[in-house]
Amino acid sequence: MPSEQLHEGASEYLYRDLIYDSSFWSDTTVLGLPVPSTVFTDLFFSIKSTDNSTTLLTLKLSTSDIEWLDAPNGKCRINFNANTLTLSGTDYTYEFRAKLTTGAYIHIESGTLDILPSQTGNP
C-alpha cells in the first residue's frame, strides 16, 4: 500500500471506516459490517520514524484529535494540524489502535505516512 501523505502543519485529515474484519470478533455474523462507536472508549493514531523508535506523535479520540463523523456506522477522521509542525519526513510508520469498552486494546491498521514540508511562506 502506498504511503499516506500530509503537509506539515496543515489542517488535513485522514478518513477511516471501521469495519468488523478480524477473527478477534467472536460474533461472526458482524464480519464486514461497520463497527459502531459504542464498541470503543478511545482511538489512538501513533506516528514513529521507524517501527522500533519512540513515538513522535499520538492523536486520540479522547483529546479531540480524532472525531466521529458517523458514529453508528464507524466513520471517523484523524485531524492533523499544527501538531505536525517540525515533523516533515518520509516513510514514518503509523498504527491506528482502539481501546474497547472491555478494556482490551486492538490493532486496527498500520502503514506508512509521509509528512511533506510546509507549503507556506515566501519562496
PDB file of N, CA and C in Angstrom:
ATOM      1  N   MET A   1       0.849  -1.174   0.000  1.00  0.00           N
ATOM      2  CA  MET A   1       0.000   0.000   0.000  1.00  0.00           C
ATOM      3  C   MET A   1       0.895   1.237   0.000  1.00  0.00           C
ATOM      4  N   PRO A   2       0.585   2.229  -0.844  1.00  0.00           N
ATOM      5  CA  PRO A   2       1.406   3.441  -0.861  1.00  0.00           C
ATOM      6  C   PRO A   2       1.249   4.247   0.430  1.00  0.00           C
ATOM      7  N   SER A   3       2.233   5.087   0.684  1.00  0.00           N
ATOM      8  CA  SER A   3       2.193   5.932   1.885  1.00  0.00           C
ATOM      9  C   SER A   3       1.052   6.938   1.807  1.00  0.00           C
ATOM     10  N   GLU A   4       0.443   7.201   2.960  1.00  0.00           N
ATOM     11  CA  GLU A   4      -0.483   8.325   3.077  1.00  0.00           C
ATOM     12  C   GLU A   4       0.381   9.584   3.019  1.00  0.00           C
ATOM     13  N   GLN A   5      -0.158  10.711   2.549  1.00  0.00           N
ATOM     14  CA  GLN A   5       0.616  11.946   2.501  1.00  0.00           C
ATOM     15  C   GLN A   5      -0.159  13.101   3.108  1.00  0.00           C
ATOM     16  N   LEU A   6       0.552  13.885   3.927  1.00  0.00           N
ATOM     17  CA  LEU A   6       0.012  15.095   4.547  1.00  0.00           C
ATOM     18  C   LEU A   6       1.061  16.183   4.409  1.00  0.00           C
ATOM     19  N   HIS A   7       0.662  17.431   4.653  1.00  0.00           N
ATOM     20  CA  HIS A   7       1.613  18.544   4.685  1.00  0.00           C
ATOM     21  C   HIS A   7       1.821  18.980   6.132  1.00  0.00           C
ATOM     22  N   GLU A   8       3.060  19.219   6.475  1.00  0.00           N
ATOM     23  CA  GLU A   8       3.456  19.643   7.816  1.00  0.00           C
ATOM     24  C   GLU A   8       2.670  20.891   8.235  1.00  0.00           C
ATOM     25  N   GLY A   9       2.048  20.826   9.410  1.00  0.00           N
ATOM     26  CA  GLY A   9       1.354  21.971   9.995  1.00  0.00           C
ATOM     27  C   GLY A   9       0.046  22.349   9.332  1.00  0.00           C
ATOM     28  N   ALA A  10      -0.388  21.615   8.326  1.00  0.00           N
ATOM     29  CA  ALA A  10      -1.620  21.955   7.603  1.00  0.00           C
ATOM     30  C   ALA A  10      -2.834  21.302   8.256  1.00  0.00           C
ATOM     31  N   SER A  11      -3.993  21.905   8.055  1.00  0.00           N
ATOM     32  CA  SER A  11      -5.250  21.317   8.537  1.00  0.00           C
ATOM     33  C   SER A  11      -5.699  20.279   7.507  1.00  0.00           C
ATOM     34  N   GLU A  12      -5.273  19.054   7.712  1.00  0.00           N
ATOM     35  CA  GLU A  12      -5.617  17.965   6.814  1.00  0.00           C
ATOM     36  C   GLU A  12      -6.122  16.784   7.629  1.00  0.00           C
ATOM     37  N   TYR A  13      -6.802  15.857   6.964  1.00  0.00           N
ATOM     38  CA  TYR A  13      -7.451  14.747   7.646  1.00  0.00           C
ATOM     39  C   TYR A  13      -7.177  13.430   6.937  1.00  0.00           C
ATOM     40  N   LEU A  14      -7.193  12.357   7.709  1.00  0.00           N
ATOM     41  CA  LEU A  14      -7.274  11.001   7.171  1.00  0.00           C
ATOM     42  C   LEU A  14      -8.636  10.467   7.594  1.00  0.00           C
ATOM     43  N   TYR A  15      -9.367   9.882   6.664  1.00  0.00           N
ATOM     44  CA  TYR A  15     -10.698   9.351   6.944  1.00  0.00           C
ATOM     45  C   TYR A  15     -10.636   7.829   7.020  1.00  0.00           C
ATOM     46  N   ARG A  16     -11.374   7.270   7.952  1.00  0.00           N
ATOM     47  CA  ARG A  16     -11.396   5.823   8.124  1.00  0.00           C
ATOM     48  C   ARG A  16     -12.822   5.329   8.357  1.00  0.00           C
ATOM     49  N   ASP A  17     -13.125   4.164   7.764  1.00  0.00           N
ATOM     50  CA  ASP A  17     -14.360   3.438   8.024  1.00  0.00           C
ATOM     51  C   ASP A  17     -13.955   2.196   8.806  1.00  0.00           C
ATOM     52  N   LEU A  18     -14.448   2.082  10.020  1.00  0.00           N
ATOM     53  CA  LEU A  18     -14.091   0.947  10.875  1.00  0.00           C
ATOM     54  C   LEU A  18     -15.071  -0.192  10.615  1.00  0.00           C
ATOM     55  N   ILE A  19     -14.520  -1.330  10.183  1.00  0.00           N
ATOM     56  CA  ILE A  19     -15.320  -2.484   9.767  1.00  0.00           C
ATOM     57  C   ILE A  19     -14.905  -3.702  10.601  1.00  0.00           C
ATOM     58  N   TYR A  20     -15.881  -4.520  10.981  1.00  0.00           N
ATOM     59  CA  TYR A  20     -15.565  -5.805  11.612  1.00  0.00           C
ATOM     60  C   TYR A  20     -14.925  -6.685  10.543  1.00  0.00           C
ATOM     61  N   ASP A  21     -13.626  -6.929  10.640  1.00  0.00           N
ATOM     62  CA  ASP A  21     -12.964  -7.722   9.600  1.00  0.00           C
ATOM     63  C   ASP A  21     -11.874  -8.622  10.167  1.00  0.00           C
ATOM     64  N   SER A  22     -12.028  -9.033  11.404  1.00  0.00           N
ATOM     65  CA  SER A  22     -10.962  -9.802  12.041  1.00  0.00           C
ATOM     66  C   SER A  22     -11.541 -10.987  12.798  1.00  0.00           C
ATOM     67  N   SER A  23     -10.730 -11.992  12.953  1.00  0.00           N
ATOM     68  CA  SER A  23     -11.146 -13.147  13.742  1.00  0.00           C
ATOM     69  C   SER A  23     -11.219 -12.809  15.230  1.00  0.00           C
ATOM     70  N   PHE A  24     -10.780 -11.587  15.604  1.00  0.00           N
ATOM     71  CA  PHE A  24     -10.879 -11.140  17.001  1.00  0.00           C
ATOM     72  C   PHE A  24     -12.335 -11.137  17.470  1.00  0.00           C
ATOM     73  N   TRP A  25     -13.238 -10.846  16.565  1.00  0.00           N
ATOM     74  CA  TRP A  25     -14.649 -10.735  16.936  1.00  0.00           C
ATOM     75  C   TRP A  25     -15.258 -12.130  17.034  1.00  0.00           C
ATOM     76  N   SER A  26     -15.814 -12.442  18.192  1.00  0.00           N
ATOM     77  CA  SER A  26     -16.381 -13.776  18.409  1.00  0.00           C
ATOM     78  C   SER A  26     -17.704 -13.965  17.670  1.00  0.00           C
ATOM     79  N   ASP A  27     -18.399 -12.874  17.376  1.00  0.00           N
ATOM     80  CA  ASP A  27     -19.673 -12.948  16.666  1.00  0.00           C
ATOM     81  C   ASP A  27     -19.415 -12.816  15.167  1.00  0.00           C
ATOM     82  N   THR A  28     -19.370 -13.941  14.460  1.00  0.00           N
ATOM     83  CA  THR A  28     -19.047 -13.920  13.034  1.00  0.00           C
ATOM     84  C   THR A  28     -20.159 -13.307  12.185  1.00  0.00           C
ATOM     85  N   THR A  29     -21.346 -13.118  12.740  1.00  0.00           N
ATOM     86  CA  THR A  29     -22.434 -12.520  11.959  1.00  0.00           C
ATOM     87  C   THR A  29     -22.199 -11.034  11.695  1.00  0.00           C
ATOM     88  N   VAL A  30     -21.256 -10.399  12.417  1.00  0.00           N
ATOM     89  CA  VAL A  30     -20.999  -8.971  12.211  1.00  0.00           C
ATOM     90  C   VAL A  30     -19.847  -8.697  11.248  1.00  0.00           C
ATOM     91  N   LEU A  31     -19.120  -9.740  10.827  1.00  0.00           N
ATOM     92  CA  LEU A  31     -17.981  -9.530   9.934  1.00  0.00           C
ATOM     93  C   LEU A  31     -18.414  -8.808   8.662  1.00  0.00           C
ATOM     94  N   GLY A  32     -17.655  -7.751   8.298  1.00  0.00           N
ATOM     95  CA  GLY A  32     -17.961  -6.945   7.125  1.00  0.00           C
ATOM     96  C   GLY A  32     -18.888  -5.781   7.397  1.00  0.00           C
ATOM     97  N   LEU A  33     -19.439  -5.715   8.603  1.00  0.00           N
ATOM     98  CA  LEU A  33     -20.333  -4.613   8.960  1.00  0.00           C
ATOM     99  C   LEU A  33     -19.554  -3.491   9.641  1.00  0.00           C
ATOM    100  N   PRO A  34     -20.095  -2.266   9.629  1.00  0.00           N
ATOM    101  CA  PRO A  34     -19.441  -1.160  10.339  1.00  0.00           C
ATOM    102  C   PRO A  34     -19.397  -1.413  11.842  1.00  0.00           C
ATOM    103  N   VAL A  35     -18.325  -0.944  12.485  1.00  0.00           N
ATOM    104  CA  VAL A  35     -18.198  -1.047  13.936  1.00  0.00           C
ATOM    105  C   VAL A  35     -18.707   0.270  14.538  1.00  0.00           C
ATOM    106  N   PRO A  36     -19.772   0.249  15.318  1.00  0.00           N
ATOM    107  CA  PRO A  36     -20.288   1.494  15.891  1.00  0.00           C
ATOM    108  C   PRO A  36     -19.363   2.038  16.983  1.00  0.00           C
ATOM    109  N   SER A  37     -19.435   3.331  17.211  1.00  0.00           N
ATOM    110  CA  SER A  37     -18.574   3.985  18.211  1.00  0.00           C
ATOM    111  C   SER A  37     -18.790   3.450  19.613  1.00  0.00           C
ATOM    112  N   THR A  38     -19.941   2.861  19.882  1.00  0.00           N
ATOM    113  CA  THR A  38     -20.244   2.360  21.226  1.00  0.00           C
ATOM    114  C   THR A  38     -19.352   1.194  21.640  1.00  0.00           C
ATOM    115  N   VAL A  39     -18.621   0.602  20.700  1.00  0.00           N
ATOM    116  CA  VAL A  39     -17.712  -0.508  20.984  1.00  0.00           C
ATOM    117  C   VAL A  39     -16.411   0.003  21.605  1.00  0.00           C
ATOM    118  N   PHE A  40     -16.076   1.279  21.360  1.00  0.00           N
ATOM    119  CA  PHE A  40     -14.784   1.846  21.752  1.00  0.00           C
ATOM    120  C   PHE A  40     -14.901   2.864  22.884  1.00  0.00           C
ATOM    121  N   THR A  41     -13.854   2.941  23.707  1.00  0.00           N
ATOM    122  CA  THR A  41     -13.754   4.036  24.669  1.00  0.00           C
ATOM    123  C   THR A  41     -12.731   5.061  24.222  1.00  0.00           C
ATOM    124  N   ASP A  42     -11.803   4.667  23.323  1.00  0.00           N
ATOM    125  CA  ASP A  42     -10.836   5.609  22.783  1.00  0.00           C
ATOM    126  C   ASP A  42     -10.218   5.040  21.511  1.00  0.00           C
ATOM    127  N   LEU A  43      -9.723   5.931  20.664  1.00  0.00           N
ATOM    128  CA  LEU A  43      -8.986   5.578  19.460  1.00  0.00           C
ATOM    129  C   LEU A  43      -7.634   6.281  19.519  1.00  0.00           C
ATOM    130  N   PHE A  44      -6.597   5.644  18.982  1.00  0.00           N
ATOM    131  CA  PHE A  44      -5.240   6.185  19.030  1.00  0.00           C
ATOM    132  C   PHE A  44      -4.592   6.063  17.658  1.00  0.00           C
ATOM    133  N   PHE A  45      -3.978   7.133  17.176  1.00  0.00           N
ATOM    134  CA  PHE A  45      -3.214   7.125  15.937  1.00  0.00           C
ATOM    135  C   PHE A  45      -1.812   7.587  16.289  1.00  0.00           C
ATOM    136  N   SER A  46      -0.831   6.683  16.230  1.00  0.00           N
ATOM    137  CA  SER A  46       0.541   6.981  16.642  1.00  0.00           C
ATOM    138  C   SER A  46       1.470   6.975  15.439  1.00  0.00           C
ATOM    139  N   ILE A  47       2.432   7.912  15.453  1.00  0.00           N
ATOM    140  CA  ILE A  47       3.411   8.035  14.379  1.00  0.00           C
ATOM    141  C   ILE A  47       4.812   7.859  14.960  1.00  0.00           C
ATOM    142  N   LYS A  48       5.620   7.031  14.274  1.00  0.00           N
ATOM    143  CA  LYS A  48       7.024   6.804  14.647  1.00  0.00           C
ATOM    144  C   LYS A  48       7.889   6.985  13.410  1.00  0.00           C
ATOM    145  N   SER A  49       9.163   7.316  13.614  1.00  0.00           N
ATOM    146  CA  SER A  49      10.058   7.434  12.454  1.00  0.00           C
ATOM    147  C   SER A  49      10.417   6.052  11.905  1.00  0.00           C
ATOM    148  N   THR A  50      10.478   5.043  12.763  1.00  0.00           N
ATOM    149  CA  THR A  50      10.669   3.653  12.343  1.00  0.00           C
ATOM    150  C   THR A  50       9.851   2.767  13.274  1.00  0.00           C
ATOM    151  N   ASP A  51       9.701   1.513  12.924  1.00  0.00           N
ATOM    152  CA  ASP A  51       8.928   0.585  13.755  1.00  0.00           C
ATOM    153  C   ASP A  51       9.462   0.493  15.181  1.00  0.00           C
ATOM    154  N   ASN A  52      10.771   0.578  15.343  1.00  0.00           N
ATOM    155  CA  ASN A  52      11.383   0.366  16.650  1.00  0.00           C
ATOM    156  C   ASN A  52      11.736   1.648  17.399  1.00  0.00           C
ATOM    157  N   SER A  53      11.333   2.794  16.893  1.00  0.00           N
ATOM    158  CA  SER A  53      11.688   4.059  17.534  1.00  0.00           C
ATOM    159  C   SER A  53      10.607   4.509  18.515  1.00  0.00           C
ATOM    160  N   THR A  54      10.903   5.575  19.225  1.00  0.00           N
ATOM    161  CA  THR A  54       9.913   6.132  20.141  1.00  0.00           C
ATOM    162  C   THR A  54       8.834   6.857  19.342  1.00  0.00           C
ATOM    163  N   THR A  55       7.677   7.008  19.935  1.00  0.00           N
ATOM    164  CA  THR A  55       6.550   7.650  19.271  1.00  0.00           C
ATOM    165  C   THR A  55       6.790   9.153  19.158  1.00  0.00           C
ATOM    166  N   LEU A  56       6.609   9.680  17.948  1.00  0.00           N
ATOM    167  CA  LEU A  56       6.767  11.114  17.711  1.00  0.00           C
ATOM    168  C   LEU A  56       5.491  11.880  18.020  1.00  0.00           C
ATOM    169  N   LEU A  57       4.352  11.254  17.777  1.00  0.00           N
ATOM    170  CA  LEU A  57       3.066  11.936  17.928  1.00  0.00           C
ATOM    171  C   LEU A  57       1.975  10.895  18.141  1.00  0.00           C
ATOM    172  N   THR A  58       1.095  11.142  19.097  1.00  0.00           N
ATOM    173  CA  THR A  58      -0.090  10.303  19.289  1.00  0.00           C
ATOM    174  C   THR A  58      -1.321  11.193  19.278  1.00  0.00           C
ATOM    175  N   LEU A  59      -2.246  10.870  18.414  1.00  0.00           N
ATOM    176  CA  LEU A  59      -3.515  11.581  18.321  1.00  0.00           C
ATOM    177  C   LEU A  59      -4.586  10.669  18.898  1.00  0.00           C
ATOM    178  N   LYS A  60      -5.528  11.267  19.664  1.00  0.00           N
ATOM    179  CA  LYS A  60      -6.523  10.442  20.360  1.00  0.00           C
ATOM    180  C   LYS A  60      -7.933  10.995  20.193  1.00  0.00           C
ATOM    181  N   LEU A  61      -8.884  10.096  20.252  1.00  0.00           N
ATOM    182  CA  LEU A  61     -10.290  10.482  20.285  1.00  0.00           C
ATOM    183  C   LEU A  61     -10.577  11.279  21.553  1.00  0.00           C
ATOM    184  N   SER A  62     -10.016  10.854  22.668  1.00  0.00           N
ATOM    185  CA  SER A  62     -10.297  11.491  23.961  1.00  0.00           C
ATOM    186  C   SER A  62      -9.762  12.924  24.062  1.00  0.00           C
ATOM    187  N   THR A  63      -8.859  13.313  23.160  1.00  0.00           N
ATOM    188  CA  THR A  63      -8.353  14.686  23.159  1.00  0.00           C
ATOM    189  C   THR A  63      -8.809  15.446  21.921  1.00  0.00           C
ATOM    190  N   SER A  64      -9.834  14.939  21.262  1.00  0.00           N
ATOM    191  CA  SER A  64     -10.468  15.567  20.088  1.00  0.00           C
ATOM    192  C   SER A  64      -9.580  15.624  18.847  1.00  0.00           C
ATOM    193  N   ASP A  65      -8.502  14.843  18.811  1.00  0.00           N
ATOM    194  CA  ASP A  65      -7.682  14.761  17.603  1.00  0.00           C
ATOM    195  C   ASP A  65      -8.324  13.835  16.580  1.00  0.00           C
ATOM    196  N   ILE A  66      -9.179  12.941  17.065  1.00  0.00           N
ATOM    197  CA  ILE A  66      -9.938  12.029  16.209  1.00  0.00           C
ATOM    198  C   ILE A  66     -11.403  12.290  16.527  1.00  0.00           C
ATOM    199  N   GLU A  67     -12.220  12.333  15.495  1.00  0.00           N
ATOM    200  CA  GLU A  67     -13.635  12.604  15.737  1.00  0.00           C
ATOM    201  C   GLU A  67     -14.517  11.690  14.904  1.00  0.00           C
ATOM    202  N   TRP A  68     -15.695  11.413  15.454  1.00  0.00           N
ATOM    203  CA  TRP A  68     -16.675  10.592  14.745  1.00  0.00           C
ATOM    204  C   TRP A  68     -17.419  11.476  13.752  1.00  0.00           C
ATOM    205  N   LEU A  69     -17.540  11.010  12.518  1.00  0.00           N
ATOM    206  CA  LEU A  69     -18.353  11.685  11.513  1.00  0.00           C
ATOM    207  C   LEU A  69     -19.716  11.026  11.423  1.00  0.00           C
ATOM    208  N   ASP A  70     -19.745   9.718  11.603  1.00  0.00           N
ATOM    209  CA  ASP A  70     -20.978   8.928  11.581  1.00  0.00           C
ATOM    210  C   ASP A  70     -20.768   7.800  12.580  1.00  0.00           C
ATOM    211  N   ALA A  71     -21.034   8.079  13.850  1.00  0.00           N
ATOM    212  CA  ALA A  71     -20.728   7.146  14.937  1.00  0.00           C
ATOM    213  C   ALA A  71     -21.393   5.775  14.781  1.00  0.00           C
ATOM    214  N   PRO A  72     -22.681   5.691  14.432  1.00  0.00           N
ATOM    215  CA  PRO A  72     -23.293   4.364  14.305  1.00  0.00           C
ATOM    216  C   PRO A  72     -22.674   3.507  13.198  1.00  0.00           C
ATOM    217  N   ASN A  73     -22.094   4.155  12.181  1.00  0.00           N
ATOM    218  CA  ASN A  73     -21.533   3.424  11.050  1.00  0.00           C
ATOM    219  C   ASN A  73     -20.003   3.408  11.037  1.00  0.00           C
ATOM    220  N   GLY A  74     -19.369   3.747  12.160  1.00  0.00           N
ATOM    221  CA  GLY A  74     -17.927   3.607  12.305  1.00  0.00           C
ATOM    222  C   GLY A  74     -17.081   4.509  11.433  1.00  0.00           C
ATOM    223  N   LYS A  75     -17.599   5.658  11.030  1.00  0.00           N
ATOM    224  CA  LYS A  75     -16.833   6.584  10.185  1.00  0.00           C
ATOM    225  C   LYS A  75     -16.194   7.659  11.058  1.00  0.00           C
ATOM    226  N   CYS A  76     -14.869   7.792  10.945  1.00  0.00           N
ATOM    227  CA  CYS A  76     -14.161   8.791  11.742  1.00  0.00           C
ATOM    228  C   CYS A  76     -13.102   9.479  10.899  1.00  0.00           C
ATOM    229  N   ARG A  77     -12.555  10.559  11.446  1.00  0.00           N
ATOM    230  CA  ARG A  77     -11.433  11.216  10.784  1.00  0.00           C
ATOM    231  C   ARG A  77     -10.388  11.582  11.815  1.00  0.00           C
ATOM    232  N   ILE A  78      -9.132  11.530  11.366  1.00  0.00           N
ATOM    233  CA  ILE A  78      -7.989  11.876  12.205  1.00  0.00           C
ATOM    234  C   ILE A  78      -7.555  13.262  11.776  1.00  0.00           C
ATOM    235  N   ASN A  79      -7.513  14.193  12.733  1.00  0.00           N
ATOM    236  CA  ASN A  79      -7.213  15.592  12.442  1.00  0.00           C
ATOM    237  C   ASN A  79      -5.725  15.881  12.605  1.00  0.00           C
ATOM    238  N   PHE A  80      -5.123  16.403  11.560  1.00  0.00           N
ATOM    239  CA  PHE A  80      -3.728  16.826  11.596  1.00  0.00           C
ATOM    240  C   PHE A  80      -3.706  18.335  11.401  1.00  0.00           C
ATOM    241  N   ASN A  81      -2.930  19.032  12.172  1.00  0.00           N
ATOM    242  CA  ASN A  81      -2.810  20.475  12.028  1.00  0.00           C
ATOM    243  C   ASN A  81      -1.445  20.888  12.560  1.00  0.00           C
ATOM    244  N   ALA A  82      -1.384  21.869  13.436  1.00  0.00           N
ATOM    245  CA  ALA A  82      -0.105  22.348  13.961  1.00  0.00           C
ATOM    246  C   ALA A  82       0.674  21.250  14.687  1.00  0.00           C
ATOM    247  N   ASN A  83      -0.002  20.158  15.079  1.00  0.00           N
ATOM    248  CA  ASN A  83       0.711  19.094  15.792  1.00  0.00           C
ATOM    249  C   ASN A  83       1.735  18.373  14.913  1.00  0.00           C
ATOM    250  N   THR A  84       1.741  18.637  13.609  1.00  0.00           N
ATOM    251  CA  THR A  84       2.750  18.020  12.740  1.00  0.00           C
ATOM    252  C   THR A  84       3.902  18.973  12.397  1.00  0.00           C
ATOM    253  N   LEU A  85       3.887  20.189  12.946  1.00  0.00           N
ATOM    254  CA  LEU A  85       4.998  21.113  12.702  1.00  0.00           C
ATOM    255  C   LEU A  85       6.306  20.480  13.149  1.00  0.00           C
ATOM    256  N   THR A  86       7.341  20.664  12.395  1.00  0.00           N
ATOM    257  CA  THR A  86       8.697  20.130  12.620  1.00  0.00           C
ATOM    258  C   THR A  86       8.794  18.615  12.411  1.00  0.00           C
ATOM    259  N   LEU A  87       7.751  17.988  11.893  1.00  0.00           N
ATOM    260  CA  LEU A  87       7.790  16.533  11.697  1.00  0.00           C
ATOM    261  C   LEU A  87       7.892  16.122  10.233  1.00  0.00           C
ATOM    262  N   SER A  88       8.286  17.039   9.349  1.00  0.00           N
ATOM    263  CA  SER A  88       8.337  16.644   7.943  1.00  0.00           C
ATOM    264  C   SER A  88       9.350  15.513   7.755  1.00  0.00           C
ATOM    265  N   GLY A  89       8.969  14.559   6.952  1.00  0.00           N
ATOM    266  CA  GLY A  89       9.802  13.399   6.689  1.00  0.00           C
ATOM    267  C   GLY A  89       9.009  12.355   5.929  1.00  0.00           C
ATOM    268  N   THR A  90       9.694  11.334   5.462  1.00  0.00           N
ATOM    269  CA  THR A  90       9.025  10.294   4.679  1.00  0.00           C
ATOM    270  C   THR A  90       9.169   8.935   5.354  1.00  0.00           C
ATOM    271  N   ASP A  91       8.281   8.072   4.994  1.00  0.00           N
ATOM    272  CA  ASP A  91       8.273   6.680   5.460  1.00  0.00           C
ATOM    273  C   ASP A  91       8.157   6.536   6.971  1.00  0.00           C
ATOM    274  N   TYR A  92       7.436   7.461   7.612  1.00  0.00           N
ATOM    275  CA  TYR A  92       7.098   7.257   9.019  1.00  0.00           C
ATOM    276  C   TYR A  92       6.163   6.057   9.095  1.00  0.00           C
ATOM    277  N   THR A  93       6.209   5.331  10.187  1.00  0.00           N
ATOM    278  CA  THR A  93       5.246   4.250  10.373  1.00  0.00           C
ATOM    279  C   THR A  93       4.127   4.757  11.278  1.00  0.00           C
ATOM    280  N   TYR A  94       2.925   4.300  11.013  1.00  0.00           N
ATOM    281  CA  TYR A  94       1.810   4.665  11.888  1.00  0.00           C
ATOM    282  C   TYR A  94       1.058   3.415  12.307  1.00  0.00           C
ATOM    283  N   GLU A  95       0.380   3.549  13.431  1.00  0.00           N
ATOM    284  CA  GLU A  95      -0.502   2.487  13.900  1.00  0.00           C
ATOM    285  C   GLU A  95      -1.780   3.129  14.402  1.00  0.00           C
ATOM    286  N   PHE A  96      -2.890   2.572  13.991  1.00  0.00           N
ATOM    287  CA  PHE A  96      -4.219   3.016  14.434  1.00  0.00           C
ATOM    288  C   PHE A  96      -4.742   1.910  15.335  1.00  0.00           C
ATOM    289  N   ARG A  97      -5.001   2.249  16.603  1.00  0.00           N
ATOM    290  CA  ARG A  97      -5.457   1.266  17.598  1.00  0.00           C
ATOM    291  C   ARG A  97      -6.718   1.767  18.281  1.00  0.00           C
ATOM    292  N   ALA A  98      -7.383   0.858  18.963  1.00  0.00           N
ATOM    293  CA  ALA A  98      -8.596   1.208  19.687  1.00  0.00           C
ATOM    294  C   ALA A  98      -8.599   0.552  21.057  1.00  0.00           C
ATOM    295  N   LYS A  99      -9.209   1.243  22.002  1.00  0.00           N
ATOM    296  CA  LYS A  99      -9.477   0.660  23.307  1.00  0.00           C
ATOM    297  C   LYS A  99     -10.965   0.335  23.339  1.00  0.00           C
ATOM    298  N   LEU A 100     -11.261  -0.923  23.615  1.00  0.00           N
ATOM    299  CA  LEU A 100     -12.647  -1.391  23.640  1.00  0.00           C
ATOM    300  C   LEU A 100     -13.289  -1.109  24.998  1.00  0.00           C
ATOM    301  N   THR A 101     -14.587  -1.189  25.043  1.00  0.00           N
ATOM    302  CA  THR A 101     -15.305  -0.992  26.309  1.00  0.00           C
ATOM    303  C   THR A 101     -14.945  -2.066  27.330  1.00  0.00           C
ATOM    304  N   THR A 102     -14.391  -3.188  26.871  1.00  0.00           N
ATOM    305  CA  THR A 102     -13.953  -4.258  27.782  1.00  0.00           C
ATOM    306  C   THR A 102     -12.615  -3.934  28.439  1.00  0.00           C
ATOM    307  N   GLY A 103     -11.938  -2.872  27.942  1.00  0.00           N
ATOM    308  CA  GLY A 103     -10.614  -2.510  28.444  1.00  0.00           C
ATOM    309  C   GLY A 103      -9.490  -3.054  27.586  1.00  0.00           C
ATOM    310  N   ALA A 104      -9.809  -3.951  26.656  1.00  0.00           N
ATOM    311  CA  ALA A 104      -8.791  -4.520  25.762  1.00  0.00           C
ATOM    312  C   ALA A 104      -8.436  -3.526  24.658  1.00  0.00           C
ATOM    313  N   TYR A 105      -7.205  -3.634  24.152  1.00  0.00           N
ATOM    314  CA  TYR A 105      -6.751  -2.824  23.025  1.00  0.00           C
ATOM    315  C   TYR A 105      -6.653  -3.704  21.794  1.00  0.00           C
ATOM    316  N   ILE A 106      -7.040  -3.159  20.644  1.00  0.00           N
ATOM    317  CA  ILE A 106      -6.913  -3.899  19.393  1.00  0.00           C
ATOM    318  C   ILE A 106      -6.215  -3.041  18.339  1.00  0.00           C
ATOM    319  N   HIS A 107      -5.535  -3.717  17.436  1.00  0.00           N
ATOM    320  CA  HIS A 107      -4.890  -3.084  16.291  1.00  0.00           C
ATOM    321  C   HIS A 107      -5.938  -2.930  15.193  1.00  0.00           C
ATOM    322  N   ILE A 108      -6.055  -1.726  14.637  1.00  0.00           N
ATOM    323  CA  ILE A 108      -6.985  -1.516  13.526  1.00  0.00           C
ATOM    324  C   ILE A 108      -6.229  -1.562  12.200  1.00  0.00           C
ATOM    325  N   GLU A 109      -5.167  -0.777  12.089  1.00  0.00           N
ATOM    326  CA  GLU A 109      -4.360  -0.799  10.868  1.00  0.00           C
ATOM    327  C   GLU A 109      -3.008  -0.157  11.134  1.00  0.00           C
ATOM    328  N   SER A 110      -2.081  -0.411  10.229  1.00  0.00           N
ATOM    329  CA  SER A 110      -0.776   0.250  10.276  1.00  0.00           C
ATOM    330  C   SER A 110      -0.325   0.467   8.844  1.00  0.00           C
ATOM    331  N   GLY A 111       0.643   1.349   8.687  1.00  0.00           N
ATOM    332  CA  GLY A 111       1.143   1.648   7.351  1.00  0.00           C
ATOM    333  C   GLY A 111       2.234   2.692   7.416  1.00  0.00           C
ATOM    334  N   THR A 112       2.468   3.337   6.288  1.00  0.00           N
ATOM    335  CA  THR A 112       3.480   4.388   6.247  1.00  0.00           C
ATOM    336  C   THR A 112       2.836   5.722   5.912  1.00  0.00           C
ATOM    337  N   LEU A 113       3.499   6.775   6.376  1.00  0.00           N
ATOM    338  CA  LEU A 113       2.974   8.134   6.250  1.00  0.00           C
ATOM    339  C   LEU A 113       4.115   9.063   5.876  1.00  0.00           C
ATOM    340  N   ASP A 114       3.873   9.922   4.889  1.00  0.00           N
ATOM    341  CA  ASP A 114       4.825  10.968   4.524  1.00  0.00           C
ATOM    342  C   ASP A 114       4.252  12.297   4.994  1.00  0.00           C
ATOM    343  N   ILE A 115       5.036  13.051   5.746  1.00  0.00           N
ATOM    344  CA  ILE A 115       4.637  14.406   6.141  1.00  0.00           C
ATOM    345  C   ILE A 115       5.527  15.346   5.330  1.00  0.00           C
ATOM    346  N   LEU A 116       4.925  15.938   4.303  1.00  0.00           N
ATOM    347  CA  LEU A 116       5.665  16.784   3.381  1.00  0.00           C
ATOM    348  C   LEU A 116       5.941  18.151   4.001  1.00  0.00           C
ATOM    349  N   PRO A 117       7.040  18.807   3.610  1.00  0.00           N
ATOM    350  CA  PRO A 117       7.354  20.126   4.154  1.00  0.00           C
ATOM    351  C   PRO A 117       6.207  21.121   3.906  1.00  0.00           C
ATOM    352  N   SER A 118       6.074  22.065   4.796  1.00  0.00           N
ATOM    353  CA  SER A 118       5.032  23.077   4.716  1.00  0.00           C
ATOM    354  C   SER A 118       5.098  23.831   3.401  1.00  0.00           C
ATOM    355  N   GLN A 119       3.949  24.181   2.884  1.00  0.00           N
ATOM    356  CA  GLN A 119       3.875  24.949   1.645  1.00  0.00           C
ATOM    357  C   GLN A 119       3.617  26.428   1.901  1.00  0.00           C
ATOM    358  N   THR A 120       3.753  26.862   3.134  1.00  0.00           N
ATOM    359  CA  THR A 120       3.504  28.267   3.467  1.00  0.00           C
ATOM    360  C   THR A 120       4.800  29.063   3.462  1.00  0.00           C
ATOM    361  N   GLY A 121       4.695  30.362   3.419  1.00  0.00           N
ATOM    362  CA  GLY A 121       5.870  31.222   3.443  1.00  0.00           C
ATOM    363  C   GLY A 121       6.258  31.690   2.063  1.00  0.00           C
ATOM    364  N   ASN A 122       7.271  32.503   1.982  1.00  0.00           N
ATOM    365  CA  ASN A 122       7.734  33.056   0.720  1.00  0.00           C
ATOM    366  C   ASN A 122       8.826  32.174   0.128  1.00  0.00           C
ATOM    367  N   PRO A 123       8.821  32.007  -1.188  1.00  0.00           N
ATOM    368  CA  PRO A 123       9.847  31.172  -1.827  1.00  0.00           C
ATOM    369  C   PRO A 123      11.229  31.809  -1.736  1.00  0.00           C
TER     370      PRO A 123
END
